[in-house]
Amino acid sequence: MPIPPPPSTFRCTDCGWRRTVIPRSDALILGVDWFEHCPQCGSQTLQWRPASATETFKARLQQLLGGRH
């Protein structure tokens, strides 16, 4: 049975862009559930870390209210 990975936060060290993602399955979609470069400035210096409880709550709330991020 597929198990989605835990929520993650990506942050660009160049421009400060940040996004918390909550994958819906174990098949990650590039640019939605996983990022290789910053969608704002194109930099490849992204930091990845597990999302905090606050970040996860905020991302879930945004999903419920219909906003993507």
N, C-alpha and C. Protein backbone atom coordinates (compact mmCIF):
# COMPACT_ATOMS: atom_id res chain seq x y z
N MET A 1 0.84 -1.17 0.00
CA MET A 1 0.00 0.00 0.00
C MET A 1 0.89 1.24 0.00
N PRO A 2 0.67 2.17 -0.97
CA PRO A 2 1.49 3.38 -1.03
C PRO A 2 1.22 4.30 0.16
N ILE A 3 2.29 4.84 0.67
CA ILE A 3 2.17 5.77 1.80
C ILE A 3 2.82 7.08 1.38
N PRO A 4 2.05 8.17 1.41
CA PRO A 4 2.65 9.46 1.02
C PRO A 4 3.71 9.90 2.01
N PRO A 5 4.72 10.60 1.53
CA PRO A 5 5.74 11.13 2.45
C PRO A 5 5.14 12.23 3.33
N PRO A 6 5.78 12.53 4.43
CA PRO A 6 5.27 13.58 5.32
C PRO A 6 5.37 14.96 4.66
N PRO A 7 4.62 15.93 5.16
CA PRO A 7 4.69 17.30 4.62
C PRO A 7 6.12 17.84 4.68
N SER A 8 6.47 18.63 3.66
CA SER A 8 7.82 19.18 3.55
C SER A 8 7.75 20.66 3.23
N THR A 9 8.79 21.37 3.61
CA THR A 9 8.91 22.78 3.28
C THR A 9 10.16 22.99 2.45
N PHE A 10 9.99 23.68 1.32
CA PHE A 10 11.10 24.04 0.44
C PHE A 10 11.32 25.54 0.57
N ARG A 11 12.60 25.95 0.58
CA ARG A 11 12.92 27.37 0.68
C ARG A 11 14.11 27.69 -0.21
N CYS A 12 13.97 28.78 -0.98
CA CYS A 12 15.05 29.24 -1.85
C CYS A 12 15.98 30.13 -1.02
N THR A 13 17.26 29.82 -1.05
CA THR A 13 18.23 30.61 -0.29
C THR A 13 18.59 31.91 -1.00
N ASP A 14 18.24 32.03 -2.29
CA ASP A 14 18.56 33.24 -3.03
C ASP A 14 17.49 34.32 -2.91
N CYS A 15 16.21 33.95 -3.11
CA CYS A 15 15.16 34.97 -3.13
C CYS A 15 14.19 34.88 -1.95
N GLY A 16 14.26 33.81 -1.16
CA GLY A 16 13.40 33.69 0.01
C GLY A 16 12.06 33.01 -0.26
N TRP A 17 11.80 32.57 -1.51
CA TRP A 17 10.56 31.86 -1.82
C TRP A 17 10.45 30.65 -0.90
N ARG A 18 9.21 30.35 -0.47
CA ARG A 18 9.00 29.23 0.43
C ARG A 18 7.67 28.58 0.11
N ARG A 19 7.62 27.24 0.18
CA ARG A 19 6.36 26.54 -0.01
C ARG A 19 6.36 25.27 0.83
N THR A 20 5.23 25.02 1.48
CA THR A 20 5.02 23.79 2.22
C THR A 20 4.08 22.93 1.39
N VAL A 21 4.48 21.69 1.17
CA VAL A 21 3.68 20.77 0.36
C VAL A 21 3.23 19.58 1.21
N ILE A 22 2.02 19.10 0.91
CA ILE A 22 1.48 17.92 1.57
C ILE A 22 1.14 16.93 0.46
N PRO A 23 2.07 16.02 0.14
CA PRO A 23 1.82 15.07 -0.95
C PRO A 23 0.60 14.20 -0.67
N ARG A 24 -0.18 13.96 -1.72
CA ARG A 24 -1.39 13.14 -1.58
C ARG A 24 -1.11 11.66 -1.85
N SER A 25 0.05 11.36 -2.45
CA SER A 25 0.42 9.96 -2.68
C SER A 25 1.94 9.86 -2.68
N ASP A 26 2.43 8.65 -2.89
CA ASP A 26 3.87 8.46 -2.92
C ASP A 26 4.46 8.80 -4.29
N ALA A 27 3.61 9.07 -5.28
CA ALA A 27 4.06 9.51 -6.60
C ALA A 27 4.12 11.04 -6.59
N LEU A 28 5.32 11.57 -6.42
CA LEU A 28 5.48 13.02 -6.31
C LEU A 28 5.48 13.67 -7.68
N ILE A 29 4.80 14.80 -7.79
CA ILE A 29 4.71 15.54 -9.04
C ILE A 29 5.68 16.71 -8.96
N LEU A 30 6.61 16.77 -9.91
CA LEU A 30 7.60 17.82 -9.95
C LEU A 30 6.91 19.17 -10.15
N GLY A 31 7.21 20.13 -9.32
CA GLY A 31 6.60 21.45 -9.39
C GLY A 31 5.32 21.58 -8.58
N VAL A 32 4.85 20.47 -8.03
CA VAL A 32 3.65 20.48 -7.18
C VAL A 32 4.00 19.93 -5.80
N ASP A 33 4.54 18.71 -5.77
CA ASP A 33 4.90 18.04 -4.52
C ASP A 33 6.41 18.05 -4.26
N TRP A 34 7.20 18.37 -5.28
CA TRP A 34 8.66 18.35 -5.17
C TRP A 34 9.23 19.42 -6.09
N PHE A 35 10.30 20.07 -5.65
CA PHE A 35 10.91 21.14 -6.43
C PHE A 35 12.40 20.90 -6.57
N GLU A 36 12.92 21.04 -7.80
CA GLU A 36 14.35 20.95 -8.05
C GLU A 36 14.98 22.33 -8.20
N HIS A 37 14.15 23.33 -8.51
CA HIS A 37 14.61 24.71 -8.62
C HIS A 37 13.49 25.64 -8.17
N CYS A 38 13.85 26.85 -7.87
CA CYS A 38 12.89 27.85 -7.40
C CYS A 38 12.00 28.31 -8.56
N PRO A 39 10.67 28.21 -8.41
CA PRO A 39 9.79 28.65 -9.48
C PRO A 39 9.75 30.18 -9.62
N GLN A 40 10.26 30.89 -8.63
CA GLN A 40 10.24 32.35 -8.67
C GLN A 40 11.48 32.92 -9.36
N CYS A 41 12.66 32.44 -8.97
CA CYS A 41 13.89 33.02 -9.53
C CYS A 41 14.71 32.02 -10.35
N GLY A 42 14.37 30.73 -10.31
CA GLY A 42 15.08 29.73 -11.10
C GLY A 42 16.32 29.15 -10.43
N SER A 43 16.66 29.62 -9.25
CA SER A 43 17.84 29.14 -8.54
C SER A 43 17.68 27.66 -8.18
N GLN A 44 18.80 26.94 -8.18
CA GLN A 44 18.78 25.54 -7.79
C GLN A 44 19.26 25.33 -6.36
N THR A 45 19.42 26.40 -5.62
CA THR A 45 19.87 26.28 -4.23
C THR A 45 18.66 26.29 -3.29
N LEU A 46 17.91 25.21 -3.33
CA LEU A 46 16.75 25.07 -2.45
C LEU A 46 17.12 24.27 -1.21
N GLN A 47 16.54 24.68 -0.10
CA GLN A 47 16.68 23.90 1.13
C GLN A 47 15.39 23.12 1.32
N TRP A 48 15.51 21.88 1.77
CA TRP A 48 14.36 21.04 2.05
C TRP A 48 14.42 20.64 3.51
N ARG A 49 13.23 20.61 4.14
CA ARG A 49 13.16 20.12 5.53
C ARG A 49 11.74 19.65 5.80
N PRO A 50 11.57 18.80 6.80
CA PRO A 50 10.21 18.42 7.19
C PRO A 50 9.44 19.66 7.65
N ALA A 51 8.18 19.74 7.30
CA ALA A 51 7.36 20.89 7.67
C ALA A 51 7.03 20.86 9.16
N SER A 52 6.97 22.02 9.76
CA SER A 52 6.57 22.12 11.16
C SER A 52 5.05 21.93 11.25
N ALA A 53 4.56 21.76 12.46
CA ALA A 53 3.12 21.59 12.66
C ALA A 53 2.36 22.83 12.19
N THR A 54 2.91 24.01 12.44
CA THR A 54 2.26 25.25 12.02
C THR A 54 2.21 25.36 10.50
N GLU A 55 3.32 25.04 9.84
CA GLU A 55 3.36 25.08 8.37
C GLU A 55 2.38 24.07 7.77
N THR A 56 2.31 22.89 8.36
CA THR A 56 1.38 21.87 7.88
C THR A 56 -0.06 22.32 8.04
N PHE A 57 -0.38 22.90 9.18
CA PHE A 57 -1.74 23.40 9.43
C PHE A 57 -2.11 24.48 8.41
N LYS A 58 -1.20 25.41 8.17
CA LYS A 58 -1.46 26.49 7.23
C LYS A 58 -1.68 25.94 5.81
N ALA A 59 -0.85 24.98 5.39
CA ALA A 59 -0.99 24.40 4.05
C ALA A 59 -2.31 23.64 3.92
N ARG A 60 -2.70 22.90 4.95
CA ARG A 60 -4.00 22.19 4.92
C ARG A 60 -5.17 23.17 4.86
N LEU A 61 -5.07 24.25 5.60
CA LEU A 61 -6.12 25.26 5.59
C LEU A 61 -6.24 25.89 4.20
N GLN A 62 -5.11 26.18 3.57
CA GLN A 62 -5.13 26.75 2.22
C GLN A 62 -5.76 25.76 1.22
N GLN A 63 -5.49 24.47 1.38
CA GLN A 63 -6.10 23.46 0.51
C GLN A 63 -7.62 23.44 0.71
N LEU A 64 -8.06 23.51 1.96
CA LEU A 64 -9.49 23.49 2.25
C LEU A 64 -10.21 24.71 1.69
N LEU A 65 -9.55 25.85 1.74
CA LEU A 65 -10.18 27.09 1.27
C LEU A 65 -10.07 27.27 -0.24
N GLY A 66 -9.42 26.32 -0.90
CA GLY A 66 -9.37 26.35 -2.35
C GLY A 66 -8.14 26.99 -2.95
N GLY A 67 -7.30 27.62 -2.14
CA GLY A 67 -6.07 28.20 -2.66
C GLY A 67 -5.00 27.14 -2.79
N ARG A 68 -4.25 27.20 -3.86
CA ARG A 68 -3.18 26.22 -4.06
C ARG A 68 -2.05 26.50 -3.08
N HIS A 69 -1.54 27.74 -3.00
CA HIS A 69 -0.51 28.14 -2.03
C HIS A 69 -0.43 29.61 -2.01
